[in-house]
Amino acid sequence: MMIIYATVVKEIGPNAKDFLEEEMMVTFGEDAPAELRPYCFLIDQNALTGEMEVGDQVYLGETSYEITAIGEQAIKNLKDLGHVTLNFKGETDPAMAGTLYLEKKEPVEVSVGTQIIIKKK
């Protein structure tokens, strides 16, 4: 599988892990607005080198999650801001514009240094 996006978690806001309990994870690049930083996993803002589509895989460390739906702004936000919400509930209707919907699977523990990789199916 070809890697089309790769980054690493650089900083974790004090409230970011609260979202994991709700089966969501919010990322943002280093230019995250001050009011959002406490709720985000801050990442290096890197280029997306291919087209992302349903069926591709998101890796958090060694654990993979299949993409089940893509919100209409998710790819643009990831490219421009390093910002995306990962939803681990297995939904197939992309109701939230900035969200990547992933297969229903327990989110893994994420720490500083965790790699986030997106691979083509």
PDB file of N, CA and C in Angstrom:
ATOM      1  N   MET A   1       0.846  -1.195   0.000  1.00  0.00           N
ATOM      2  CA  MET A   1       0.000   0.000   0.000  1.00  0.00           C
ATOM      3  C   MET A   1       0.882   1.246   0.000  1.00  0.00           C
ATOM      4  N   MET A   2       0.509   2.228  -0.789  1.00  0.00           N
ATOM      5  CA  MET A   2       1.274   3.459  -0.913  1.00  0.00           C
ATOM      6  C   MET A   2       0.875   4.462   0.186  1.00  0.00           C
ATOM      7  N   ILE A   3       1.862   5.054   0.828  1.00  0.00           N
ATOM      8  CA  ILE A   3       1.612   6.092   1.830  1.00  0.00           C
ATOM      9  C   ILE A   3       1.307   7.398   1.110  1.00  0.00           C
ATOM     10  N   ILE A   4       0.158   8.024   1.456  1.00  0.00           N
ATOM     11  CA  ILE A   4      -0.187   9.321   0.858  1.00  0.00           C
ATOM     12  C   ILE A   4      -0.150  10.452   1.888  1.00  0.00           C
ATOM     13  N   TYR A   5      -0.002  10.108   3.167  1.00  0.00           N
ATOM     14  CA  TYR A   5       0.109  11.136   4.200  1.00  0.00           C
ATOM     15  C   TYR A   5       0.837  10.527   5.390  1.00  0.00           C
ATOM     16  N   ALA A   6       1.741  11.282   5.972  1.00  0.00           N
ATOM     17  CA  ALA A   6       2.446  10.822   7.171  1.00  0.00           C
ATOM     18  C   ALA A   6       2.805  12.017   8.028  1.00  0.00           C
ATOM     19  N   THR A   7       2.575  11.877   9.313  1.00  0.00           N
ATOM     20  CA  THR A   7       2.925  12.923  10.270  1.00  0.00           C
ATOM     21  C   THR A   7       3.154  12.266  11.623  1.00  0.00           C
ATOM     22  N   VAL A   8       3.465  13.082  12.597  1.00  0.00           N
ATOM     23  CA  VAL A   8       3.701  12.582  13.948  1.00  0.00           C
ATOM     24  C   VAL A   8       3.067  13.549  14.946  1.00  0.00           C
ATOM     25  N   VAL A   9       2.558  13.000  16.042  1.00  0.00           N
ATOM     26  CA  VAL A   9       1.980  13.829  17.100  1.00  0.00           C
ATOM     27  C   VAL A   9       3.121  14.507  17.844  1.00  0.00           C
ATOM     28  N   LYS A  10       3.082  15.853  17.893  1.00  0.00           N
ATOM     29  CA  LYS A  10       4.133  16.637  18.537  1.00  0.00           C
ATOM     30  C   LYS A  10       3.747  17.105  19.932  1.00  0.00           C
ATOM     31  N   GLU A  11       2.447  17.297  20.129  1.00  0.00           N
ATOM     32  CA  GLU A  11       1.961  17.853  21.402  1.00  0.00           C
ATOM     33  C   GLU A  11       0.515  17.407  21.576  1.00  0.00           C
ATOM     34  N   ILE A  12       0.105  17.223  22.816  1.00  0.00           N
ATOM     35  CA  ILE A  12      -1.271  16.814  23.096  1.00  0.00           C
ATOM     36  C   ILE A  12      -1.886  17.826  24.046  1.00  0.00           C
ATOM     37  N   GLY A  13      -2.971  18.459  23.600  1.00  0.00           N
ATOM     38  CA  GLY A  13      -3.677  19.413  24.452  1.00  0.00           C
ATOM     39  C   GLY A  13      -4.227  18.716  25.683  1.00  0.00           C
ATOM     40  N   PRO A  14      -4.369  19.436  26.801  1.00  0.00           N
ATOM     41  CA  PRO A  14      -4.800  18.812  28.052  1.00  0.00           C
ATOM     42  C   PRO A  14      -6.184  18.163  27.988  1.00  0.00           C
ATOM     43  N   ASN A  15      -7.031  18.592  27.049  1.00  0.00           N
ATOM     44  CA  ASN A  15      -8.377  18.021  26.929  1.00  0.00           C
ATOM     45  C   ASN A  15      -8.529  17.112  25.708  1.00  0.00           C
ATOM     46  N   ALA A  16      -7.471  16.921  24.952  1.00  0.00           N
ATOM     47  CA  ALA A  16      -7.561  16.173  23.689  1.00  0.00           C
ATOM     48  C   ALA A  16      -8.000  14.725  23.898  1.00  0.00           C
ATOM     49  N   LYS A  17      -7.487  14.088  24.933  1.00  0.00           N
ATOM     50  CA  LYS A  17      -7.808  12.673  25.157  1.00  0.00           C
ATOM     51  C   LYS A  17      -9.251  12.471  25.598  1.00  0.00           C
ATOM     52  N   ASP A  18      -9.910  13.540  26.067  1.00  0.00           N
ATOM     53  CA  ASP A  18     -11.334  13.431  26.426  1.00  0.00           C
ATOM     54  C   ASP A  18     -12.159  13.036  25.203  1.00  0.00           C
ATOM     55  N   PHE A  19     -11.764  13.530  24.026  1.00  0.00           N
ATOM     56  CA  PHE A  19     -12.483  13.196  22.804  1.00  0.00           C
ATOM     57  C   PHE A  19     -12.324  11.720  22.446  1.00  0.00           C
ATOM     58  N   LEU A  20     -11.183  11.120  22.782  1.00  0.00           N
ATOM     59  CA  LEU A  20     -10.995   9.695  22.499  1.00  0.00           C
ATOM     60  C   LEU A  20     -12.042   8.856  23.220  1.00  0.00           C
ATOM     61  N   GLU A  21     -12.438   9.291  24.403  1.00  0.00           N
ATOM     62  CA  GLU A  21     -13.487   8.584  25.144  1.00  0.00           C
ATOM     63  C   GLU A  21     -14.819   8.657  24.404  1.00  0.00           C
ATOM     64  N   GLU A  22     -14.968   9.662  23.557  1.00  0.00           N
ATOM     65  CA  GLU A  22     -16.180   9.828  22.740  1.00  0.00           C
ATOM     66  C   GLU A  22     -15.970   9.273  21.328  1.00  0.00           C
ATOM     67  N   GLU A  23     -14.901   8.506  21.161  1.00  0.00           N
ATOM     68  CA  GLU A  23     -14.552   7.865  19.884  1.00  0.00           C
ATOM     69  C   GLU A  23     -14.245   8.880  18.777  1.00  0.00           C
ATOM     70  N   MET A  24     -13.570   9.968  19.174  1.00  0.00           N
ATOM     71  CA  MET A  24     -13.148  10.987  18.219  1.00  0.00           C
ATOM     72  C   MET A  24     -11.736  11.450  18.581  1.00  0.00           C
ATOM     73  N   MET A  25     -11.038  11.958  17.564  1.00  0.00           N
ATOM     74  CA  MET A  25      -9.702  12.505  17.757  1.00  0.00           C
ATOM     75  C   MET A  25      -9.561  13.708  16.828  1.00  0.00           C
ATOM     76  N   VAL A  26      -9.136  14.835  17.362  1.00  0.00           N
ATOM     77  CA  VAL A  26      -9.003  16.061  16.586  1.00  0.00           C
ATOM     78  C   VAL A  26      -7.523  16.386  16.421  1.00  0.00           C
ATOM     79  N   THR A  27      -7.087  16.562  15.164  1.00  0.00           N
ATOM     80  CA  THR A  27      -5.710  16.972  14.908  1.00  0.00           C
ATOM     81  C   THR A  27      -5.693  18.401  14.378  1.00  0.00           C
ATOM     82  N   PHE A  28      -4.570  19.058  14.570  1.00  0.00           N
ATOM     83  CA  PHE A  28      -4.364  20.397  14.028  1.00  0.00           C
ATOM     84  C   PHE A  28      -2.866  20.593  13.863  1.00  0.00           C
ATOM     85  N   GLY A  29      -2.490  21.346  12.841  1.00  0.00           N
ATOM     86  CA  GLY A  29      -1.095  21.694  12.623  1.00  0.00           C
ATOM     87  C   GLY A  29      -0.612  22.681  13.671  1.00  0.00           C
ATOM     88  N   GLU A  30       0.633  23.056  13.546  1.00  0.00           N
ATOM     89  CA  GLU A  30       1.266  23.934  14.539  1.00  0.00           C
ATOM     90  C   GLU A  30       0.627  25.318  14.638  1.00  0.00           C
ATOM     91  N   ASP A  31      -0.151  25.708  13.635  1.00  0.00           N
ATOM     92  CA  ASP A  31      -0.818  27.014  13.662  1.00  0.00           C
ATOM     93  C   ASP A  31      -2.230  26.946  14.235  1.00  0.00           C
ATOM     94  N   ALA A  32      -2.516  25.945  15.047  1.00  0.00           N
ATOM     95  CA  ALA A  32      -3.845  25.807  15.648  1.00  0.00           C
ATOM     96  C   ALA A  32      -4.202  27.065  16.437  1.00  0.00           C
ATOM     97  N   PRO A  33      -5.445  27.543  16.301  1.00  0.00           N
ATOM     98  CA  PRO A  33      -5.874  28.699  17.099  1.00  0.00           C
ATOM     99  C   PRO A  33      -5.760  28.398  18.602  1.00  0.00           C
ATOM    100  N   ALA A  34      -5.392  29.395  19.369  1.00  0.00           N
ATOM    101  CA  ALA A  34      -5.167  29.230  20.812  1.00  0.00           C
ATOM    102  C   ALA A  34      -6.360  28.601  21.519  1.00  0.00           C
ATOM    103  N   GLU A  35      -7.578  28.972  21.101  1.00  0.00           N
ATOM    104  CA  GLU A  35      -8.778  28.454  21.776  1.00  0.00           C
ATOM    105  C   GLU A  35      -9.040  26.977  21.468  1.00  0.00           C
ATOM    106  N   LEU A  36      -8.435  26.440  20.396  1.00  0.00           N
ATOM    107  CA  LEU A  36      -8.628  25.034  20.038  1.00  0.00           C
ATOM    108  C   LEU A  36      -7.494  24.126  20.506  1.00  0.00           C
ATOM    109  N   ARG A  37      -6.322  24.686  20.745  1.00  0.00           N
ATOM    110  CA  ARG A  37      -5.140  23.888  21.102  1.00  0.00           C
ATOM    111  C   ARG A  37      -5.392  22.910  22.256  1.00  0.00           C
ATOM    112  N   PRO A  38      -6.104  23.288  23.305  1.00  0.00           N
ATOM    113  CA  PRO A  38      -6.299  22.348  24.410  1.00  0.00           C
ATOM    114  C   PRO A  38      -7.055  21.075  24.019  1.00  0.00           C
ATOM    115  N   TYR A  39      -7.758  21.094  22.897  1.00  0.00           N
ATOM    116  CA  TYR A  39      -8.605  19.973  22.496  1.00  0.00           C
ATOM    117  C   TYR A  39      -8.002  19.147  21.361  1.00  0.00           C
ATOM    118  N   CYS A  40      -6.790  19.468  20.951  1.00  0.00           N
ATOM    119  CA  CYS A  40      -6.208  18.870  19.750  1.00  0.00           C
ATOM    120  C   CYS A  40      -4.944  18.063  20.024  1.00  0.00           C
ATOM    121  N   PHE A  41      -4.716  17.108  19.121  1.00  0.00           N
ATOM    122  CA  PHE A  41      -3.436  16.444  18.986  1.00  0.00           C
ATOM    123  C   PHE A  41      -2.702  17.252  17.930  1.00  0.00           C
ATOM    124  N   LEU A  42      -1.655  17.947  18.322  1.00  0.00           N
ATOM    125  CA  LEU A  42      -0.947  18.838  17.409  1.00  0.00           C
ATOM    126  C   LEU A  42       0.094  18.045  16.630  1.00  0.00           C
ATOM    127  N   ILE A  43       0.088  18.254  15.315  1.00  0.00           N
ATOM    128  CA  ILE A  43       0.908  17.468  14.401  1.00  0.00           C
ATOM    129  C   ILE A  43       1.720  18.376  13.490  1.00  0.00           C
ATOM    130  N   ASP A  44       2.734  17.792  12.851  1.00  0.00           N
ATOM    131  CA  ASP A  44       3.407  18.479  11.765  1.00  0.00           C
ATOM    132  C   ASP A  44       2.428  18.542  10.604  1.00  0.00           C
ATOM    133  N   GLN A  45       2.309  19.689  10.005  1.00  0.00           N
ATOM    134  CA  GLN A  45       1.413  19.867   8.856  1.00  0.00           C
ATOM    135  C   GLN A  45       2.171  19.452   7.608  1.00  0.00           C
ATOM    136  N   ASN A  46       1.891  18.272   7.089  1.00  0.00           N
ATOM    137  CA  ASN A  46       2.602  17.721   5.944  1.00  0.00           C
ATOM    138  C   ASN A  46       1.692  17.620   4.728  1.00  0.00           C
ATOM    139  N   ALA A  47       2.303  17.413   3.575  1.00  0.00           N
ATOM    140  CA  ALA A  47       1.553  17.343   2.320  1.00  0.00           C
ATOM    141  C   ALA A  47       0.834  16.002   2.184  1.00  0.00           C
ATOM    142  N   LEU A  48      -0.331  16.064   1.559  1.00  0.00           N
ATOM    143  CA  LEU A  48      -1.074  14.884   1.155  1.00  0.00           C
ATOM    144  C   LEU A  48      -0.639  14.600  -0.277  1.00  0.00           C
ATOM    145  N   THR A  49      -0.062  13.423  -0.525  1.00  0.00           N
ATOM    146  CA  THR A  49       0.582  13.173  -1.813  1.00  0.00           C
ATOM    147  C   THR A  49      -0.246  12.311  -2.763  1.00  0.00           C
ATOM    148  N   GLY A  50      -1.521  12.123  -2.465  1.00  0.00           N
ATOM    149  CA  GLY A  50      -2.403  11.348  -3.329  1.00  0.00           C
ATOM    150  C   GLY A  50      -3.845  11.623  -2.967  1.00  0.00           C
ATOM    151  N   GLU A  51      -4.751  11.048  -3.746  1.00  0.00           N
ATOM    152  CA  GLU A  51      -6.181  11.219  -3.483  1.00  0.00           C
ATOM    153  C   GLU A  51      -6.631  10.249  -2.392  1.00  0.00           C
ATOM    154  N   MET A  52      -7.267  10.777  -1.365  1.00  0.00           N
ATOM    155  CA  MET A  52      -7.801   9.960  -0.295  1.00  0.00           C
ATOM    156  C   MET A  52      -9.220   9.552  -0.662  1.00  0.00           C
ATOM    157  N   GLU A  53      -9.570   8.272  -0.372  1.00  0.00           N
ATOM    158  CA  GLU A  53     -10.917   7.812  -0.673  1.00  0.00           C
ATOM    159  C   GLU A  53     -11.361   6.742   0.313  1.00  0.00           C
ATOM    160  N   VAL A  54     -12.662   6.485   0.331  1.00  0.00           N
ATOM    161  CA  VAL A  54     -13.223   5.444   1.181  1.00  0.00           C
ATOM    162  C   VAL A  54     -12.502   4.131   0.871  1.00  0.00           C
ATOM    163  N   GLY A  55     -12.163   3.405   1.914  1.00  0.00           N
ATOM    164  CA  GLY A  55     -11.439   2.147   1.771  1.00  0.00           C
ATOM    165  C   GLY A  55      -9.958   2.273   2.077  1.00  0.00           C
ATOM    166  N   ASP A  56      -9.419   3.499   2.009  1.00  0.00           N
ATOM    167  CA  ASP A  56      -8.027   3.717   2.394  1.00  0.00           C
ATOM    168  C   ASP A  56      -7.890   3.465   3.895  1.00  0.00           C
ATOM    169  N   GLN A  57      -6.653   3.353   4.358  1.00  0.00           N
ATOM    170  CA  GLN A  57      -6.373   3.012   5.753  1.00  0.00           C
ATOM    171  C   GLN A  57      -5.693   4.169   6.476  1.00  0.00           C
ATOM    172  N   VAL A  58      -6.171   4.467   7.679  1.00  0.00           N
ATOM    173  CA  VAL A  58      -5.508   5.413   8.575  1.00  0.00           C
ATOM    174  C   VAL A  58      -4.831   4.575   9.656  1.00  0.00           C
ATOM    175  N   TYR A  59      -3.557   4.832   9.867  1.00  0.00           N
ATOM    176  CA  TYR A  59      -2.793   4.140  10.907  1.00  0.00           C
ATOM    177  C   TYR A  59      -2.489   5.117  12.036  1.00  0.00           C
ATOM    178  N   LEU A  60      -2.766   4.684  13.245  1.00  0.00           N
ATOM    179  CA  LEU A  60      -2.313   5.375  14.453  1.00  0.00           C
ATOM    180  C   LEU A  60      -1.298   4.428  15.073  1.00  0.00           C
ATOM    181  N   GLY A  61      -0.030   4.766  14.927  1.00  0.00           N
ATOM    182  CA  GLY A  61       1.001   3.808  15.315  1.00  0.00           C
ATOM    183  C   GLY A  61       0.867   2.580  14.437  1.00  0.00           C
ATOM    184  N   GLU A  62       0.751   1.409  15.045  1.00  0.00           N
ATOM    185  CA  GLU A  62       0.660   0.140  14.304  1.00  0.00           C
ATOM    186  C   GLU A  62      -0.784  -0.283  14.014  1.00  0.00           C
ATOM    187  N   THR A  63      -1.766   0.435  14.552  1.00  0.00           N
ATOM    188  CA  THR A  63      -3.170   0.046  14.404  1.00  0.00           C
ATOM    189  C   THR A  63      -3.803   0.742  13.209  1.00  0.00           C
ATOM    190  N   SER A  64      -4.470  -0.042  12.359  1.00  0.00           N
ATOM    191  CA  SER A  64      -5.085   0.520  11.161  1.00  0.00           C
ATOM    192  C   SER A  64      -6.606   0.615  11.322  1.00  0.00           C
ATOM    193  N   TYR A  65      -7.162   1.602  10.635  1.00  0.00           N
ATOM    194  CA  TYR A  65      -8.601   1.845  10.611  1.00  0.00           C
ATOM    195  C   TYR A  65      -8.995   2.143   9.166  1.00  0.00           C
ATOM    196  N   GLU A  66      -9.986   1.428   8.653  1.00  0.00           N
ATOM    197  CA  GLU A  66     -10.452   1.685   7.295  1.00  0.00           C
ATOM    198  C   GLU A  66     -11.329   2.931   7.271  1.00  0.00           C
ATOM    199  N   ILE A  67     -11.128   3.788   6.264  1.00  0.00           N
ATOM    200  CA  ILE A  67     -11.972   4.974   6.085  1.00  0.00           C
ATOM    201  C   ILE A  67     -13.318   4.533   5.534  1.00  0.00           C
ATOM    202  N   THR A  68     -14.411   4.904   6.229  1.00  0.00           N
ATOM    203  CA  THR A  68     -15.765   4.520   5.813  1.00  0.00           C
ATOM    204  C   THR A  68     -16.526   5.666   5.150  1.00  0.00           C
ATOM    205  N   ALA A  69     -16.105   6.906   5.386  1.00  0.00           N
ATOM    206  CA  ALA A  69     -16.724   8.084   4.768  1.00  0.00           C
ATOM    207  C   ALA A  69     -15.783   9.271   4.959  1.00  0.00           C
ATOM    208  N   ILE A  70     -15.916  10.266   4.069  1.00  0.00           N
ATOM    209  CA  ILE A  70     -15.051  11.449   4.114  1.00  0.00           C
ATOM    210  C   ILE A  70     -15.923  12.692   4.018  1.00  0.00           C
ATOM    211  N   GLY A  71     -15.880  13.544   5.038  1.00  0.00           N
ATOM    212  CA  GLY A  71     -16.608  14.813   5.011  1.00  0.00           C
ATOM    213  C   GLY A  71     -16.087  15.709   3.899  1.00  0.00           C
ATOM    214  N   GLU A  72     -16.950  16.556   3.371  1.00  0.00           N
ATOM    215  CA  GLU A  72     -16.615  17.351   2.185  1.00  0.00           C
ATOM    216  C   GLU A  72     -15.460  18.325   2.387  1.00  0.00           C
ATOM    217  N   GLN A  73     -15.138  18.713   3.620  1.00  0.00           N
ATOM    218  CA  GLN A  73     -14.018  19.622   3.890  1.00  0.00           C
ATOM    219  C   GLN A  73     -12.810  18.932   4.505  1.00  0.00           C
ATOM    220  N   ALA A  74     -12.915  17.642   4.795  1.00  0.00           N
ATOM    221  CA  ALA A  74     -11.859  16.947   5.533  1.00  0.00           C
ATOM    222  C   ALA A  74     -10.519  16.967   4.806  1.00  0.00           C
ATOM    223  N   ILE A  75     -10.517  16.687   3.518  1.00  0.00           N
ATOM    224  CA  ILE A  75      -9.256  16.638   2.773  1.00  0.00           C
ATOM    225  C   ILE A  75      -8.640  18.032   2.678  1.00  0.00           C
ATOM    226  N   LYS A  76      -9.441  19.024   2.353  1.00  0.00           N
ATOM    227  CA  LYS A  76      -8.943  20.409   2.252  1.00  0.00           C
ATOM    228  C   LYS A  76      -8.374  20.872   3.595  1.00  0.00           C
ATOM    229  N   ASN A  77      -9.099  20.624   4.681  1.00  0.00           N
ATOM    230  CA  ASN A  77      -8.628  21.044   6.003  1.00  0.00           C
ATOM    231  C   ASN A  77      -7.331  20.350   6.387  1.00  0.00           C
ATOM    232  N   LEU A  78      -7.230  19.061   6.068  1.00  0.00           N
ATOM    233  CA  LEU A  78      -5.999  18.337   6.375  1.00  0.00           C
ATOM    234  C   LEU A  78      -4.832  18.920   5.580  1.00  0.00           C
ATOM    235  N   LYS A  79      -5.052  19.173   4.291  1.00  0.00           N
ATOM    236  CA  LYS A  79      -4.000  19.752   3.444  1.00  0.00           C
ATOM    237  C   LYS A  79      -3.589  21.141   3.911  1.00  0.00           C
ATOM    238  N   ASP A  80      -4.582  22.001   4.185  1.00  0.00           N
ATOM    239  CA  ASP A  80      -4.314  23.410   4.469  1.00  0.00           C
ATOM    240  C   ASP A  80      -3.922  23.693   5.915  1.00  0.00           C
ATOM    241  N   LEU A  81      -4.457  22.908   6.858  1.00  0.00           N
ATOM    242  CA  LEU A  81      -4.311  23.241   8.275  1.00  0.00           C
ATOM    243  C   LEU A  81      -3.765  22.097   9.139  1.00  0.00           C
ATOM    244  N   GLY A  82      -3.672  20.899   8.577  1.00  0.00           N
ATOM    245  CA  GLY A  82      -3.341  19.747   9.416  1.00  0.00           C
ATOM    246  C   GLY A  82      -4.493  19.403  10.343  1.00  0.00           C
ATOM    247  N   HIS A  83      -5.682  19.906   9.995  1.00  0.00           N
ATOM    248  CA  HIS A  83      -6.853  19.771  10.862  1.00  0.00           C
ATOM    249  C   HIS A  83      -7.831  18.758  10.303  1.00  0.00           C
ATOM    250  N   VAL A  84      -8.159  17.779  11.111  1.00  0.00           N
ATOM    251  CA  VAL A  84      -9.194  16.810  10.756  1.00  0.00           C
ATOM    252  C   VAL A  84      -9.699  16.177  12.048  1.00  0.00           C
ATOM    253  N   THR A  85     -10.954  15.781  12.031  1.00  0.00           N
ATOM    254  CA  THR A  85     -11.509  15.002  13.131  1.00  0.00           C
ATOM    255  C   THR A  85     -11.608  13.562  12.655  1.00  0.00           C
ATOM    256  N   LEU A  86     -11.057  12.648  13.426  1.00  0.00           N
ATOM    257  CA  LEU A  86     -11.189  11.222  13.147  1.00  0.00           C
ATOM    258  C   LEU A  86     -12.336  10.700  14.004  1.00  0.00           C
ATOM    259  N   ASN A  87     -13.297  10.050  13.372  1.00  0.00           N
ATOM    260  CA  ASN A  87     -14.468   9.508  14.054  1.00  0.00           C
ATOM    261  C   ASN A  87     -14.373   7.985  13.961  1.00  0.00           C
ATOM    262  N   PHE A  88     -14.335   7.320  15.106  1.00  0.00           N
ATOM    263  CA  PHE A  88     -14.117   5.870  15.170  1.00  0.00           C
ATOM    264  C   PHE A  88     -15.416   5.090  15.345  1.00  0.00           C
ATOM    265  N   LYS A  89     -16.543   5.615  14.860  1.00  0.00           N
ATOM    266  CA  LYS A  89     -17.844   4.983  15.105  1.00  0.00           C
ATOM    267  C   LYS A  89     -18.357   4.146  13.937  1.00  0.00           C
ATOM    268  N   GLY A  90     -17.608   4.081  12.834  1.00  0.00           N
ATOM    269  CA  GLY A  90     -18.009   3.240  11.719  1.00  0.00           C
ATOM    270  C   GLY A  90     -19.118   3.811  10.856  1.00  0.00           C
ATOM    271  N   GLU A  91     -19.390   5.090  10.988  1.00  0.00           N
ATOM    272  CA  GLU A  91     -20.474   5.698  10.215  1.00  0.00           C
ATOM    273  C   GLU A  91     -20.102   5.793   8.737  1.00  0.00           C
ATOM    274  N   THR A  92     -21.111   5.719   7.872  1.00  0.00           N
ATOM    275  CA  THR A  92     -20.887   5.793   6.427  1.00  0.00           C
ATOM    276  C   THR A  92     -21.510   7.039   5.806  1.00  0.00           C
ATOM    277  N   ASP A  93     -22.190   7.845   6.618  1.00  0.00           N
ATOM    278  CA  ASP A  93     -22.774   9.109   6.152  1.00  0.00           C
ATOM    279  C   ASP A  93     -21.891  10.247   6.670  1.00  0.00           C
ATOM    280  N   PRO A  94     -21.207  10.969   5.771  1.00  0.00           N
ATOM    281  CA  PRO A  94     -20.280  12.023   6.215  1.00  0.00           C
ATOM    282  C   PRO A  94     -21.003  13.310   6.626  1.00  0.00           C
ATOM    283  N   ALA A  95     -21.724  13.260   7.734  1.00  0.00           N
ATOM    284  CA  ALA A  95     -22.545  14.382   8.178  1.00  0.00           C
ATOM    285  C   ALA A  95     -21.730  15.609   8.592  1.00  0.00           C
ATOM    286  N   MET A  96     -20.554  15.397   9.162  1.00  0.00           N
ATOM    287  CA  MET A  96     -19.704  16.511   9.600  1.00  0.00           C
ATOM    288  C   MET A  96     -18.648  16.761   8.531  1.00  0.00           C
ATOM    289  N   ALA A  97     -18.598  17.987   8.015  1.00  0.00           N
ATOM    290  CA  ALA A  97     -17.765  18.315   6.849  1.00  0.00           C
ATOM    291  C   ALA A  97     -16.277  18.072   7.058  1.00  0.00           C
ATOM    292  N   GLY A  98     -15.751  18.300   8.248  1.00  0.00           N
ATOM    293  CA  GLY A  98     -14.319  18.195   8.486  1.00  0.00           C
ATOM    294  C   GLY A  98     -13.873  16.876   9.086  1.00  0.00           C
ATOM    295  N   THR A  99     -14.655  15.821   8.888  1.00  0.00           N
ATOM    296  CA  THR A  99     -14.404  14.557   9.574  1.00  0.00           C
ATOM    297  C   THR A  99     -14.052  13.428   8.616  1.00  0.00           C
ATOM    298  N   LEU A 100     -13.086  12.608   9.034  1.00  0.00           N
ATOM    299  CA  LEU A 100     -12.821  11.324   8.390  1.00  0.00           C
ATOM    300  C   LEU A 100     -13.483  10.271   9.271  1.00  0.00           C
ATOM    301  N   TYR A 101     -14.382   9.523   8.696  1.00  0.00           N
ATOM    302  CA  TYR A 101     -15.096   8.478   9.421  1.00  0.00           C
ATOM    303  C   TYR A 101     -14.352   7.162   9.230  1.00  0.00           C
ATOM    304  N   LEU A 102     -14.089   6.489  10.335  1.00  0.00           N
ATOM    305  CA  LEU A 102     -13.307   5.262  10.321  1.00  0.00           C
ATOM    306  C   LEU A 102     -14.143   4.095  10.822  1.00  0.00           C
ATOM    307  N   GLU A 103     -13.698   2.888  10.471  1.00  0.00           N
ATOM    308  CA  GLU A 103     -14.415   1.693  10.917  1.00  0.00           C
ATOM    309  C   GLU A 103     -14.566   1.709  12.436  1.00  0.00           C
ATOM    310  N   LYS A 104     -15.625   1.048  12.894  1.00  0.00           N
ATOM    311  CA  LYS A 104     -15.885   1.006  14.335  1.00  0.00           C
ATOM    312  C   LYS A 104     -14.841   0.106  14.992  1.00  0.00           C
ATOM    313  N   LYS A 105     -13.945   0.757  15.679  1.00  0.00           N
ATOM    314  CA  LYS A 105     -12.862   0.060  16.377  1.00  0.00           C
ATOM    315  C   LYS A 105     -12.391   0.987  17.484  1.00  0.00           C
ATOM    316  N   GLU A 106     -12.032   0.411  18.607  1.00  0.00           N
ATOM    317  CA  GLU A 106     -11.550   1.188  19.755  1.00  0.00           C
ATOM    318  C   GLU A 106     -10.331   2.019  19.363  1.00  0.00           C
ATOM    319  N   PRO A 107     -10.360   3.340  19.649  1.00  0.00           N
ATOM    320  CA  PRO A 107      -9.160   4.147  19.386  1.00  0.00           C
ATOM    321  C   PRO A 107      -8.013   3.701  20.299  1.00  0.00           C
ATOM    322  N   VAL A 108      -6.817   3.632  19.727  1.00  0.00           N
ATOM    323  CA  VAL A 108      -5.641   3.262  20.523  1.00  0.00           C
ATOM    324  C   VAL A 108      -5.162   4.463  21.335  1.00  0.00           C
ATOM    325  N   GLU A 109      -4.332   4.186  22.310  1.00  0.00           N
ATOM    326  CA  GLU A 109      -3.690   5.251  23.089  1.00  0.00           C
ATOM    327  C   GLU A 109      -2.743   6.008  22.168  1.00  0.00           C
ATOM    328  N   VAL A 110      -2.865   7.325  22.157  1.00  0.00           N
ATOM    329  CA  VAL A 110      -2.022   8.179  21.322  1.00  0.00           C
ATOM    330  C   VAL A 110      -1.156   9.024  22.246  1.00  0.00           C
ATOM    331  N   SER A 111       0.135   9.084  21.931  1.00  0.00           N
ATOM    332  CA  SER A 111       1.056   9.872  22.746  1.00  0.00           C
ATOM    333  C   SER A 111       1.953  10.696  21.832  1.00  0.00           C
ATOM    334  N   VAL A 112       2.738  11.595  22.432  1.00  0.00           N
ATOM    335  CA  VAL A 112       3.704  12.357  21.650  1.00  0.00           C
ATOM    336  C   VAL A 112       4.629  11.348  20.977  1.00  0.00           C
ATOM    337  N   GLY A 113       4.824  11.523  19.674  1.00  0.00           N
ATOM    338  CA  GLY A 113       5.649  10.604  18.917  1.00  0.00           C
ATOM    339  C   GLY A 113       4.862   9.563  18.123  1.00  0.00           C
ATOM    340  N   THR A 114       3.547   9.422  18.401  1.00  0.00           N
ATOM    341  CA  THR A 114       2.726   8.482  17.637  1.00  0.00           C
ATOM    342  C   THR A 114       2.651   8.939  16.182  1.00  0.00           C
ATOM    343  N   GLN A 115       2.901   8.030  15.261  1.00  0.00           N
ATOM    344  CA  GLN A 115       2.788   8.338  13.849  1.00  0.00           C
ATOM    345  C   GLN A 115       1.341   8.216  13.398  1.00  0.00           C
ATOM    346  N   ILE A 116       0.940   9.123  12.507  1.00  0.00           N
ATOM    347  CA  ILE A 116      -0.359   9.045  11.841  1.00  0.00           C
ATOM    348  C   ILE A 116      -0.047   8.923  10.348  1.00  0.00           C
ATOM    349  N   ILE A 117      -0.488   7.838   9.749  1.00  0.00           N
ATOM    350  CA  ILE A 117      -0.183   7.546   8.358  1.00  0.00           C
ATOM    351  C   ILE A 117      -1.484   7.188   7.632  1.00  0.00           C
ATOM    352  N   ILE A 118      -1.628   7.666   6.413  1.00  0.00           N
ATOM    353  CA  ILE A 118      -2.757   7.277   5.566  1.00  0.00           C
ATOM    354  C   ILE A 118      -2.182   6.551   4.357  1.00  0.00           C
ATOM    355  N   LYS A 119      -2.709   5.337   4.117  1.00  0.00           N
ATOM    356  CA  LYS A 119      -2.241   4.521   2.987  1.00  0.00           C
ATOM    357  C   LYS A 119      -3.412   4.233   2.054  1.00  0.00           C
ATOM    358  N   LYS A 120      -3.094   4.202   0.761  1.00  0.00           N
ATOM    359  CA  LYS A 120      -4.066   3.812  -0.247  1.00  0.00           C
ATOM    360  C   LYS A 120      -4.453   2.354  -0.043  1.00  0.00           C
ATOM    361  N   LYS A 121      -5.694   2.014  -0.395  1.00  0.00           N
ATOM    362  CA  LYS A 121      -6.150   0.623  -0.272  1.00  0.00           C
ATOM    363  C   LYS A 121      -5.482  -0.274  -1.296  1.00  0.00           C
TER     364      LYS A 121
END
